[in-house]
Amino acid sequence: MSDPDTTPAGIHQEAELLPWYLTGTLPEPERRQVDRHLESCTTCRSELEELTQIRRDLATVYASQSIPSSQLTRSVMAKVDEQAPPQADPQTTRRSGVRGLDQWIRSLLLPQWAPTFIVMLLVAQTTLLVWIGIPATTPDHVSSRSIGAQTARIIVTFHTTATMGQIQSLLQELHGRVVAGPTEDGRYTIEVLATDPSATQKKIEALKGRADVVRAAEAPAP
């Protein structure tokens, strides 16, 4: 995942893997590699602690934010598409992005960059919801969503006054995640664990029962 020939002097290969180590998304061989490295490297242990704190800080920020309107989301994403550079090699992009992760996020917290930070929170909303929603792992961590688990999709419209914290809490209760949206009329598609149609209907009713967060919930059209 990390090429020794492209890692700058003074930066450990394992340091580039820390964000994925933190979220438990590393393949097993690389996770063990990082485990062994952290046992003897105080620098990388400190880096991991800083990334963990940044993750907590972002989670706190998101918990207090209301979801953006679909029109605002489309407007921002269209602007990003206009200014996006040509697509680079995925591995190269990943390596270069990880090296400055800590400095980049911290720079956005400076007062003069506050407005930019708010816009970046909007643009990165869906991706970071996934990141902060994955629990930090231990060597004995086992994913709760096993291979082959049966899932169903539900179309949901959230109230514009609902906060990220409320939405995230509700999705965790239902063992669900946002997989698409918003549409032009503000609808999101969520995926939930459900073994049969009756289980799916129970999840829909549970969503409707949270009238403070959910405006509408229904099964997708066949």
Protein backbone atom coordinates (compact mmCIF):
# COMPACT_ATOMS: atom_id res chain seq x y z
CA MET A 1 0.00 0.00 0.00
CA SER A 2 3.03 2.24 0.55
CA ASP A 3 6.05 2.20 -1.75
CA PRO A 4 9.38 2.54 0.13
CA ASP A 5 10.93 4.31 -2.89
CA THR A 6 8.37 7.13 -2.77
CA THR A 7 8.30 7.70 1.00
CA PRO A 8 10.21 10.91 1.90
CA ALA A 9 13.23 10.64 4.17
CA GLY A 10 12.29 10.87 7.82
CA ILE A 11 8.73 9.61 7.31
CA HIS A 12 8.02 6.03 8.30
CA GLN A 13 6.01 3.92 5.87
CA GLU A 14 3.70 2.95 8.73
CA ALA A 15 2.88 6.62 9.39
CA GLU A 16 1.21 6.83 5.98
CA LEU A 17 -1.08 3.95 6.95
CA LEU A 18 -2.27 5.44 10.25
CA PRO A 19 -5.59 6.96 9.00
CA TRP A 20 -6.68 3.58 7.65
CA TYR A 21 -5.32 1.82 10.75
CA LEU A 22 -7.45 4.13 12.90
CA THR A 23 -10.65 3.26 11.01
CA GLY A 24 -9.90 -0.47 10.84
CA THR A 25 -9.83 -0.60 7.04
CA LEU A 26 -6.28 -1.87 6.57
CA PRO A 27 -5.72 -5.38 5.20
CA GLU A 28 -4.64 -7.77 7.95
CA PRO A 29 -0.92 -7.98 6.94
CA GLU A 30 -0.52 -4.19 6.99
CA ARG A 31 -2.47 -3.86 10.22
CA ARG A 32 -0.03 -6.29 11.88
CA GLN A 33 2.87 -4.35 10.37
CA VAL A 34 1.60 -1.12 11.95
CA ASP A 35 0.95 -2.91 15.27
CA ARG A 36 4.57 -4.06 15.42
CA HIS A 37 5.89 -0.63 14.44
CA LEU A 38 3.81 1.21 17.05
CA GLU A 39 5.29 -0.97 19.81
CA SER A 40 8.70 0.64 19.31
CA CYS A 41 8.02 4.03 17.65
CA THR A 42 6.96 6.84 19.98
CA THR A 43 6.74 9.30 17.07
CA CYS A 44 4.10 7.28 15.24
CA ARG A 45 2.24 6.60 18.48
CA SER A 46 2.03 10.36 19.01
CA GLU A 47 0.86 10.82 15.41
CA LEU A 48 -1.87 8.23 15.96
CA GLU A 49 -3.00 10.04 19.12
CA GLU A 50 -3.21 13.33 17.18
CA LEU A 51 -5.24 11.73 14.38
CA THR A 52 -7.57 10.21 16.97
CA GLN A 53 -8.10 13.65 18.56
CA ILE A 54 -8.72 15.26 15.15
CA ARG A 55 -11.33 12.60 14.46
CA ARG A 56 -13.07 13.34 17.78
CA ASP A 57 -12.98 17.08 17.08
CA LEU A 58 -14.55 16.60 13.64
CA ALA A 59 -17.24 14.37 15.12
CA THR A 60 -18.07 17.11 17.63
CA VAL A 61 -18.30 19.72 14.86
CA TYR A 62 -20.56 17.53 12.76
CA ALA A 63 -22.85 16.75 15.68
CA SER A 64 -23.81 20.43 15.84
CA GLN A 65 -24.28 21.00 12.10
CA SER A 66 -27.63 20.92 10.31
CA ILE A 67 -27.80 19.00 7.04
CA PRO A 68 -27.39 21.25 3.98
CA SER A 69 -30.17 21.77 1.47
CA SER A 70 -29.96 19.67 -1.68
CA GLN A 71 -29.68 22.85 -3.78
CA LEU A 72 -26.69 24.10 -1.79
CA THR A 73 -25.03 20.68 -1.96
CA ARG A 74 -25.40 20.52 -5.75
CA SER A 75 -24.10 24.08 -6.12
CA VAL A 76 -20.98 23.41 -4.08
CA MET A 77 -20.25 20.07 -5.76
CA ALA A 78 -20.69 21.63 -9.22
CA LYS A 79 -18.13 24.29 -8.28
CA VAL A 80 -15.73 21.61 -7.06
CA ASP A 81 -16.13 19.68 -10.33
CA GLU A 82 -15.33 22.82 -12.33
CA GLN A 83 -12.11 23.44 -10.45
CA ALA A 84 -11.00 19.84 -9.96
CA PRO A 85 -7.57 19.02 -11.50
CA PRO A 86 -7.10 16.03 -13.84
CA GLN A 87 -7.42 12.73 -11.98
CA ALA A 88 -4.09 11.45 -10.73
CA ASP A 89 -2.96 7.91 -10.01
CA PRO A 90 -4.99 6.73 -6.96
CA GLN A 91 -1.97 5.41 -5.02
CA THR A 92 0.07 8.56 -5.66
CA THR A 93 -2.86 10.77 -4.60
CA ARG A 94 -3.35 8.72 -1.46
CA ARG A 95 0.29 8.91 -0.41
CA SER A 96 0.64 12.64 -1.03
CA GLY A 97 -2.65 13.37 0.73
CA VAL A 98 -1.79 11.43 3.88
CA ARG A 99 1.56 13.17 4.38
CA GLY A 100 -0.04 16.55 5.00
CA LEU A 101 -3.27 15.37 6.63
CA ASP A 102 -2.51 16.66 10.11
CA GLN A 103 -1.10 20.02 8.97
CA TRP A 104 -3.90 20.56 6.43
CA ILE A 105 -6.75 19.98 8.86
CA ARG A 106 -5.09 22.05 11.57
CA SER A 107 -4.56 24.95 9.14
CA LEU A 108 -8.28 24.99 8.42
CA LEU A 109 -8.95 25.64 12.10
CA LEU A 110 -7.11 29.01 11.98
CA PRO A 111 -9.46 32.04 12.23
CA GLN A 112 -8.73 33.40 8.75
CA TRP A 113 -9.73 30.07 7.22
CA ALA A 114 -12.96 29.60 9.18
CA PRO A 115 -15.32 30.35 6.22
CA THR A 116 -13.35 27.98 3.99
CA PHE A 117 -13.50 25.32 6.69
CA ILE A 118 -17.28 25.54 6.83
CA VAL A 119 -17.51 25.02 3.06
CA MET A 120 -15.08 22.09 3.26
CA LEU A 121 -17.24 20.54 5.97
CA LEU A 122 -20.17 20.68 3.56
CA VAL A 123 -18.24 19.20 0.63
CA ALA A 124 -16.70 16.40 2.70
CA GLN A 125 -19.85 15.69 4.70
CA THR A 126 -20.77 12.24 3.41
CA THR A 127 -17.20 10.91 3.39
CA LEU A 128 -16.41 12.09 6.90
CA LEU A 129 -19.68 10.78 8.26
CA VAL A 130 -18.51 7.35 7.24
CA TRP A 131 -15.03 7.94 8.67
CA ILE A 132 -16.13 9.23 12.06
CA GLY A 133 -18.89 6.64 12.22
CA ILE A 134 -16.45 3.71 12.13
CA PRO A 135 -15.30 2.83 15.67
CA ALA A 136 -11.56 2.83 16.39
CA THR A 137 -10.35 -0.76 16.31
CA THR A 138 -8.25 -3.03 18.45
CA PRO A 139 -6.36 -6.15 17.32
CA ASP A 140 -9.38 -8.22 18.30
CA HIS A 141 -11.85 -6.07 16.34
CA VAL A 142 -14.34 -7.97 14.22
CA SER A 143 -16.64 -6.15 11.80
CA SER A 144 -20.31 -6.29 12.80
CA ARG A 145 -21.37 -6.31 9.16
CA SER A 146 -20.16 -9.70 7.96
CA ILE A 147 -19.75 -10.83 4.38
CA GLY A 148 -23.07 -11.84 2.89
CA ALA A 149 -25.22 -9.90 5.37
CA GLN A 150 -28.68 -9.20 3.98
CA THR A 151 -29.48 -5.53 3.49
CA ALA A 152 -32.33 -3.40 2.22
CA ARG A 153 -32.55 0.17 0.97
CA ILE A 154 -34.94 2.84 2.21
CA ILE A 155 -35.64 6.30 0.81
CA VAL A 156 -35.52 8.91 3.58
CA THR A 157 -36.15 12.66 3.74
CA PHE A 158 -34.67 14.33 6.81
CA HIS A 159 -35.94 17.56 8.31
CA THR A 160 -33.65 20.45 7.39
CA THR A 161 -33.41 21.24 11.10
CA ALA A 162 -32.01 17.78 11.92
CA THR A 163 -28.38 17.85 13.07
CA MET A 164 -25.62 15.52 11.98
CA GLY A 165 -25.50 14.14 15.50
CA GLN A 166 -29.19 13.21 15.42
CA ILE A 167 -28.90 11.58 11.99
CA GLN A 168 -25.77 9.65 12.88
CA SER A 169 -27.32 8.41 16.13
CA LEU A 170 -30.46 7.27 14.30
CA LEU A 171 -28.46 5.42 11.63
CA GLN A 172 -26.42 3.67 14.30
CA GLU A 173 -29.59 2.53 16.06
CA LEU A 174 -30.87 1.04 12.80
CA HIS A 175 -27.47 -0.39 11.77
CA GLY A 176 -27.70 1.69 8.61
CA ARG A 177 -25.65 4.05 6.47
CA VAL A 178 -26.26 6.69 3.80
CA VAL A 179 -25.38 5.30 0.34
CA ALA A 180 -26.80 7.99 -1.98
CA GLY A 181 -28.28 11.49 -2.03
CA PRO A 182 -29.48 14.05 -1.72
CA THR A 183 -31.74 14.06 -4.78
CA GLU A 184 -33.23 17.27 -6.18
CA ASP A 185 -36.13 16.97 -3.76
CA GLY A 186 -33.84 16.31 -0.77
CA ARG A 187 -34.19 12.54 -0.47
CA TYR A 188 -31.41 10.20 0.69
CA THR A 189 -31.03 6.46 0.17
CA ILE A 190 -29.92 4.52 3.23
CA GLU A 191 -28.91 0.88 3.51
CA VAL A 192 -29.94 -1.11 6.59
CA LEU A 193 -29.49 -4.67 7.79
CA ALA A 194 -32.75 -6.53 7.11
CA THR A 195 -33.30 -10.25 6.59
CA ASP A 196 -36.73 -10.02 4.93
CA PRO A 197 -39.46 -7.55 3.84
CA SER A 198 -41.07 -7.55 7.27
CA ALA A 199 -37.77 -6.55 8.87
CA THR A 200 -37.42 -3.77 6.31
CA GLN A 201 -40.91 -2.52 7.10
CA LYS A 202 -40.05 -2.41 10.80
CA LYS A 203 -37.04 -0.24 9.99
CA ILE A 204 -39.27 2.07 7.93
CA GLU A 205 -41.72 2.36 10.82
CA ALA A 206 -38.85 3.08 13.20
CA LEU A 207 -37.71 5.90 10.92
CA LYS A 208 -41.22 7.33 10.74
CA GLY A 209 -41.35 7.18 14.51
CA ARG A 210 -38.52 9.70 14.70
CA ALA A 211 -40.63 12.60 13.48
CA ASP A 212 -38.15 15.05 14.99
CA VAL A 213 -35.49 13.91 12.52
CA VAL A 214 -37.30 12.18 9.64
CA ARG A 215 -39.90 13.85 7.45
CA ALA A 216 -40.64 10.79 5.28
CA ALA A 217 -39.44 7.20 4.85
CA GLU A 218 -40.47 4.61 2.27
CA ALA A 219 -39.26 1.60 0.33
CA PRO A 220 -37.78 2.44 -3.09
CA ALA A 221 -39.96 1.92 -6.15
CA PRO A 222 -39.52 -1.59 -7.62
